[in-house]
């Protein structure tokens, strides 16, 4: 079995697209309307897939606690600089639980924790 994608219901499609394109580095693969006031966008980088759904009738978006998405980066220091330059606060970190891994968290526009990890 192969994992296909993670689906996120978002408050603002444009804010979410900006974050996942400019910060995470995912590209839009498909974008379409799926009904009255419902838009779906699939983003990816060849392997990683994220589906964003915006439903204008759903004003209450709650990502919950204990959920995060992790994305690998080649340089944690460069990624930390990048998010700060884009005006995004570091939620926590950097953390280094062992000599081979370092990571930090930010929040996406919907309050979902996003982890950037460097495997050394």
N, C-alpha and C. Protein backbone atom coordinates (compact mmCIF):
# COMPACT_ATOMS: atom_id res chain seq x y z
N UNK A 1 0.85 -1.18 0.00
CA UNK A 1 0.00 0.00 0.00
C UNK A 1 0.89 1.24 0.00
N UNK A 2 0.47 2.25 -0.72
CA UNK A 2 1.23 3.49 -0.82
C UNK A 2 0.41 4.64 -0.28
N UNK A 3 1.03 5.49 0.54
CA UNK A 3 0.38 6.68 1.06
C UNK A 3 0.18 7.66 -0.09
N UNK A 4 -1.03 8.19 -0.25
CA UNK A 4 -1.34 9.07 -1.38
C UNK A 4 -1.12 10.54 -1.07
N UNK A 5 -1.82 11.08 -0.05
CA UNK A 5 -1.70 12.50 0.28
C UNK A 5 -2.33 12.77 1.63
N UNK A 6 -2.09 13.98 2.12
CA UNK A 6 -2.73 14.49 3.32
C UNK A 6 -3.68 15.59 2.88
N UNK A 7 -4.91 15.55 3.40
CA UNK A 7 -5.92 16.55 3.07
C UNK A 7 -6.06 17.54 4.22
N UNK A 8 -6.02 18.83 3.88
CA UNK A 8 -6.20 19.88 4.86
C UNK A 8 -7.36 20.77 4.45
N UNK A 9 -8.31 20.98 5.34
CA UNK A 9 -9.36 21.95 5.12
C UNK A 9 -8.82 23.28 5.60
N UNK A 10 -8.84 24.29 4.73
CA UNK A 10 -8.17 25.55 5.03
C UNK A 10 -9.14 26.73 5.11
N UNK A 11 -8.76 27.74 5.87
CA UNK A 11 -9.55 28.95 6.03
C UNK A 11 -9.50 29.81 4.77
N UNK A 12 -8.29 29.97 4.24
CA UNK A 12 -8.08 30.82 3.06
C UNK A 12 -7.21 30.06 2.07
N UNK A 13 -7.73 29.80 0.88
CA UNK A 13 -6.96 29.06 -0.11
C UNK A 13 -5.72 29.85 -0.51
N UNK A 14 -5.85 31.15 -0.72
CA UNK A 14 -4.71 31.93 -1.20
C UNK A 14 -3.59 32.01 -0.16
N UNK A 15 -3.93 32.22 1.12
CA UNK A 15 -2.90 32.25 2.17
C UNK A 15 -2.22 30.89 2.29
N UNK A 16 -3.01 29.83 2.21
CA UNK A 16 -2.45 28.48 2.34
C UNK A 16 -1.57 28.14 1.14
N UNK A 17 -2.02 28.49 -0.06
CA UNK A 17 -1.20 28.26 -1.26
C UNK A 17 0.13 28.99 -1.16
N UNK A 18 0.08 30.23 -0.73
CA UNK A 18 1.30 31.02 -0.60
C UNK A 18 2.28 30.32 0.35
N UNK A 19 1.79 29.85 1.49
CA UNK A 19 2.64 29.18 2.48
C UNK A 19 3.24 27.90 1.90
N UNK A 20 2.40 27.03 1.35
CA UNK A 20 2.89 25.73 0.88
C UNK A 20 3.74 25.84 -0.38
N UNK A 21 3.56 26.89 -1.17
CA UNK A 21 4.41 27.10 -2.34
C UNK A 21 5.71 27.80 -1.96
N UNK A 22 5.62 28.94 -1.27
CA UNK A 22 6.80 29.75 -0.99
C UNK A 22 7.65 29.22 0.14
N UNK A 23 7.05 28.64 1.16
CA UNK A 23 7.81 28.19 2.32
C UNK A 23 8.19 26.71 2.18
N UNK A 24 7.21 25.86 1.91
CA UNK A 24 7.47 24.42 1.83
C UNK A 24 8.10 24.03 0.49
N UNK A 25 7.75 24.75 -0.58
CA UNK A 25 8.33 24.46 -1.88
C UNK A 25 7.54 23.50 -2.74
N UNK A 26 6.25 23.32 -2.42
CA UNK A 26 5.40 22.44 -3.22
C UNK A 26 4.82 23.21 -4.39
N UNK A 27 4.58 22.51 -5.49
CA UNK A 27 4.01 23.13 -6.68
C UNK A 27 2.58 22.67 -6.89
N UNK A 28 1.76 23.55 -7.47
CA UNK A 28 0.37 23.19 -7.77
C UNK A 28 0.37 22.16 -8.89
N UNK A 29 -0.26 21.02 -8.63
CA UNK A 29 -0.39 19.97 -9.64
C UNK A 29 -1.77 20.02 -10.30
N UNK A 30 -2.80 20.27 -9.49
CA UNK A 30 -4.17 20.38 -10.01
C UNK A 30 -4.92 21.38 -9.15
N UNK A 31 -5.79 22.17 -9.80
CA UNK A 31 -6.63 23.13 -9.08
C UNK A 31 -7.98 23.15 -9.77
N UNK A 32 -9.06 22.94 -8.98
CA UNK A 32 -10.38 22.88 -9.60
C UNK A 32 -11.47 23.19 -8.59
N UNK A 33 -12.64 23.58 -9.10
CA UNK A 33 -13.83 23.77 -8.28
C UNK A 33 -14.54 22.43 -8.16
N UNK A 34 -15.03 22.16 -6.96
CA UNK A 34 -15.67 20.87 -6.70
C UNK A 34 -17.11 21.06 -6.23
N UNK A 35 -17.71 22.16 -6.59
CA UNK A 35 -19.08 22.45 -6.19
C UNK A 35 -19.19 23.92 -5.86
N UNK A 36 -20.39 24.34 -5.49
CA UNK A 36 -20.59 25.74 -5.14
C UNK A 36 -19.70 26.15 -3.96
N UNK A 37 -18.81 27.11 -4.19
CA UNK A 37 -17.95 27.67 -3.15
C UNK A 37 -16.97 26.66 -2.56
N UNK A 38 -16.63 25.60 -3.32
CA UNK A 38 -15.65 24.61 -2.87
C UNK A 38 -14.53 24.54 -3.90
N UNK A 39 -13.31 24.73 -3.43
CA UNK A 39 -12.15 24.64 -4.31
C UNK A 39 -11.16 23.64 -3.74
N UNK A 40 -10.53 22.87 -4.62
CA UNK A 40 -9.54 21.87 -4.22
C UNK A 40 -8.26 22.13 -5.01
N UNK A 41 -7.14 22.07 -4.30
CA UNK A 41 -5.83 22.20 -4.93
C UNK A 41 -4.94 21.07 -4.43
N UNK A 42 -4.34 20.35 -5.37
CA UNK A 42 -3.33 19.34 -5.05
C UNK A 42 -1.96 19.95 -5.30
N UNK A 43 -1.09 19.85 -4.29
CA UNK A 43 0.28 20.32 -4.42
C UNK A 43 1.22 19.14 -4.25
N UNK A 44 2.40 19.23 -4.85
CA UNK A 44 3.36 18.15 -4.70
C UNK A 44 4.74 18.54 -5.15
N UNK A 45 5.67 17.61 -4.91
CA UNK A 45 7.04 17.78 -5.38
C UNK A 45 7.54 16.50 -6.03
N UNK A 46 6.63 15.70 -6.54
CA UNK A 46 6.98 14.42 -7.13
C UNK A 46 6.64 13.26 -6.21
N UNK A 47 6.93 13.41 -4.92
CA UNK A 47 6.63 12.35 -3.96
C UNK A 47 5.64 12.82 -2.90
N UNK A 48 5.89 13.96 -2.29
CA UNK A 48 5.02 14.50 -1.25
C UNK A 48 3.77 15.09 -1.90
N UNK A 49 2.60 14.79 -1.34
CA UNK A 49 1.34 15.32 -1.86
C UNK A 49 0.52 15.91 -0.71
N UNK A 50 0.03 17.13 -0.94
CA UNK A 50 -0.86 17.77 0.02
C UNK A 50 -2.08 18.26 -0.77
N UNK A 51 -3.27 17.97 -0.25
CA UNK A 51 -4.52 18.43 -0.85
C UNK A 51 -5.11 19.50 0.06
N UNK A 52 -5.36 20.67 -0.51
CA UNK A 52 -6.01 21.76 0.22
C UNK A 52 -7.45 21.87 -0.25
N UNK A 53 -8.37 21.95 0.70
CA UNK A 53 -9.78 22.13 0.37
C UNK A 53 -10.29 23.38 1.08
N UNK A 54 -10.89 24.28 0.30
CA UNK A 54 -11.53 25.46 0.88
C UNK A 54 -13.02 25.38 0.58
N UNK A 55 -13.80 25.42 1.63
CA UNK A 55 -15.25 25.42 1.51
C UNK A 55 -15.74 26.72 2.12
N UNK A 56 -16.22 27.63 1.29
CA UNK A 56 -16.67 28.93 1.75
C UNK A 56 -17.77 28.86 2.78
N UNK A 57 -18.54 27.77 2.80
CA UNK A 57 -19.63 27.62 3.77
C UNK A 57 -19.11 27.17 5.13
N UNK A 58 -17.86 26.66 5.20
CA UNK A 58 -17.29 26.16 6.44
C UNK A 58 -16.36 27.22 7.01
N UNK A 59 -16.85 28.01 7.95
CA UNK A 59 -16.07 29.11 8.53
C UNK A 59 -15.22 28.66 9.71
N UNK A 60 -15.50 27.48 10.27
CA UNK A 60 -14.80 26.99 11.46
C UNK A 60 -13.80 25.90 11.07
N UNK A 61 -12.52 26.28 10.96
CA UNK A 61 -11.47 25.32 10.65
C UNK A 61 -10.64 25.12 11.90
N UNK A 62 -10.53 23.88 12.37
CA UNK A 62 -9.77 23.56 13.58
C UNK A 62 -8.84 22.40 13.26
N UNK A 63 -7.54 22.64 13.31
CA UNK A 63 -6.56 21.61 12.98
C UNK A 63 -6.32 20.64 14.13
N UNK A 64 -6.73 20.99 15.33
CA UNK A 64 -6.55 20.08 16.46
C UNK A 64 -5.14 20.12 17.00
N UNK A 65 -4.94 19.44 18.12
CA UNK A 65 -3.63 19.36 18.76
C UNK A 65 -2.97 18.03 18.44
N UNK A 66 -1.66 18.02 18.48
CA UNK A 66 -0.92 16.77 18.31
C UNK A 66 -0.71 16.33 16.87
N UNK A 67 -1.12 17.16 15.91
CA UNK A 67 -0.93 16.82 14.50
C UNK A 67 0.09 17.78 13.91
N UNK A 68 1.03 17.23 13.13
CA UNK A 68 1.97 18.08 12.41
C UNK A 68 2.35 17.40 11.11
N UNK A 69 2.79 18.20 10.16
CA UNK A 69 3.33 17.67 8.91
C UNK A 69 4.82 17.96 8.91
N UNK A 70 5.63 16.99 8.53
CA UNK A 70 7.08 17.16 8.51
C UNK A 70 7.62 17.19 7.09
N UNK A 71 8.53 18.14 6.83
CA UNK A 71 9.16 18.28 5.52
C UNK A 71 10.67 18.33 5.71
N UNK A 72 11.39 17.55 4.92
CA UNK A 72 12.84 17.52 5.01
C UNK A 72 13.45 18.72 4.29
N UNK A 73 14.50 19.28 4.88
CA UNK A 73 15.24 20.37 4.27
C UNK A 73 16.72 20.03 4.30
N UNK A 74 17.46 20.51 3.32
CA UNK A 74 18.89 20.22 3.28
C UNK A 74 19.68 21.07 4.27
N UNK A 75 19.15 22.24 4.64
CA UNK A 75 19.83 23.11 5.60
C UNK A 75 18.81 23.74 6.54
N UNK A 76 18.85 23.33 7.78
CA UNK A 76 17.93 23.87 8.77
C UNK A 76 18.16 25.37 8.97
N UNK A 77 19.42 25.78 9.01
CA UNK A 77 19.73 27.19 9.21
C UNK A 77 19.17 28.05 8.07
N UNK A 78 19.32 27.59 6.83
CA UNK A 78 18.78 28.34 5.70
C UNK A 78 17.25 28.40 5.74
N UNK A 79 16.61 27.30 6.15
CA UNK A 79 15.15 27.29 6.23
C UNK A 79 14.66 28.22 7.34
N UNK A 80 15.37 28.25 8.46
CA UNK A 80 14.98 29.17 9.54
C UNK A 80 15.10 30.62 9.07
N UNK A 81 16.16 30.93 8.33
CA UNK A 81 16.32 32.28 7.78
C UNK A 81 15.19 32.59 6.82
N UNK A 82 14.86 31.64 5.96
CA UNK A 82 13.80 31.84 4.96
C UNK A 82 12.45 32.15 5.62
N UNK A 83 12.06 31.36 6.62
CA UNK A 83 10.75 31.59 7.23
C UNK A 83 10.72 32.93 7.97
N UNK A 84 11.82 33.28 8.61
CA UNK A 84 11.87 34.59 9.29
C UNK A 84 11.77 35.73 8.29
N UNK A 85 12.46 35.59 7.14
CA UNK A 85 12.39 36.63 6.11
C UNK A 85 10.98 36.79 5.55
N UNK A 86 10.18 35.71 5.59
CA UNK A 86 8.80 35.76 5.11
C UNK A 86 7.84 36.22 6.20
N UNK A 87 8.39 36.58 7.38
CA UNK A 87 7.56 37.09 8.47
C UNK A 87 6.86 36.01 9.27
N UNK A 88 7.38 34.79 9.21
CA UNK A 88 6.77 33.67 9.95
C UNK A 88 7.60 33.41 11.20
N UNK A 89 6.93 33.37 12.35
CA UNK A 89 7.61 33.11 13.62
C UNK A 89 7.95 31.63 13.76
N UNK A 90 9.08 31.37 14.40
CA UNK A 90 9.43 30.00 14.78
C UNK A 90 8.54 29.63 15.96
N UNK A 91 7.76 28.56 15.83
CA UNK A 91 6.87 28.12 16.90
C UNK A 91 7.67 27.48 18.02
N UNK A 92 8.63 26.60 17.67
CA UNK A 92 9.53 26.01 18.66
C UNK A 92 10.76 25.45 17.95
N UNK A 93 11.84 25.38 18.72
CA UNK A 93 13.07 24.84 18.18
C UNK A 93 14.06 25.96 17.86
N UNK A 94 15.20 25.55 17.35
CA UNK A 94 15.49 24.22 16.84
C UNK A 94 15.73 23.21 17.96
N UNK A 95 15.37 21.97 17.67
CA UNK A 95 15.56 20.84 18.58
C UNK A 95 16.54 19.87 17.93
N UNK A 96 17.32 19.19 18.76
CA UNK A 96 18.23 18.17 18.25
C UNK A 96 18.19 16.97 19.19
N UNK A 97 17.25 16.02 18.92
CA UNK A 97 17.09 14.88 19.82
C UNK A 97 18.25 13.88 19.74
N UNK A 98 19.01 13.92 18.65
CA UNK A 98 20.21 13.08 18.53
C UNK A 98 21.16 13.77 17.56
N UNK A 99 22.40 13.30 17.43
CA UNK A 99 23.37 13.98 16.56
C UNK A 99 23.01 13.98 15.07
N UNK A 100 22.09 13.15 14.63
CA UNK A 100 21.75 13.03 13.22
C UNK A 100 20.53 13.84 12.79
N UNK A 101 19.77 14.41 13.73
CA UNK A 101 18.51 15.06 13.38
C UNK A 101 18.39 16.40 14.11
N UNK A 102 18.00 17.43 13.33
CA UNK A 102 17.64 18.74 13.90
C UNK A 102 16.35 19.17 13.24
N UNK A 103 15.49 19.86 14.01
CA UNK A 103 14.22 20.32 13.44
C UNK A 103 13.67 21.51 14.21
N UNK A 104 12.72 22.19 13.55
CA UNK A 104 11.97 23.26 14.20
C UNK A 104 10.55 23.25 13.64
N UNK A 105 9.65 23.96 14.34
CA UNK A 105 8.26 24.04 13.94
C UNK A 105 7.85 25.48 13.66
N UNK A 106 6.95 25.65 12.67
CA UNK A 106 6.22 26.89 12.44
C UNK A 106 4.75 26.52 12.37
N UNK A 107 3.89 27.52 12.34
CA UNK A 107 2.46 27.28 12.14
C UNK A 107 2.08 27.75 10.75
N UNK A 108 1.28 26.94 10.04
CA UNK A 108 0.79 27.37 8.74
C UNK A 108 -0.34 28.39 8.96
N UNK A 109 -0.91 28.97 7.91
CA UNK A 109 -1.96 29.99 8.09
C UNK A 109 -3.21 29.49 8.80
N UNK A 110 -3.35 28.17 8.95
CA UNK A 110 -4.51 27.59 9.61
C UNK A 110 -4.22 27.12 11.03
N UNK A 111 -2.98 27.33 11.50
CA UNK A 111 -2.59 26.91 12.84
C UNK A 111 -2.04 25.50 12.92
N UNK A 112 -1.82 24.85 11.79
CA UNK A 112 -1.26 23.50 11.77
C UNK A 112 0.25 23.58 11.96
N UNK A 113 0.79 22.73 12.84
CA UNK A 113 2.22 22.70 13.06
C UNK A 113 2.92 22.06 11.87
N UNK A 114 3.93 22.78 11.34
CA UNK A 114 4.74 22.30 10.24
C UNK A 114 6.16 22.15 10.75
N UNK A 115 6.70 20.95 10.58
CA UNK A 115 8.05 20.64 11.05
C UNK A 115 9.00 20.62 9.85
N UNK A 116 10.12 21.33 9.99
CA UNK A 116 11.19 21.26 9.00
C UNK A 116 12.34 20.53 9.66
N UNK A 117 12.80 19.44 9.02
CA UNK A 117 13.79 18.58 9.62
C UNK A 117 15.00 18.44 8.71
N UNK A 118 16.16 18.46 9.33
CA UNK A 118 17.43 18.22 8.63
C UNK A 118 18.01 16.92 9.16
N UNK A 119 18.15 15.95 8.26
CA UNK A 119 18.78 14.67 8.62
C UNK A 119 20.24 14.77 8.23
N UNK A 120 21.11 14.70 9.24
CA UNK A 120 22.53 14.90 8.99
C UNK A 120 23.26 13.58 8.83
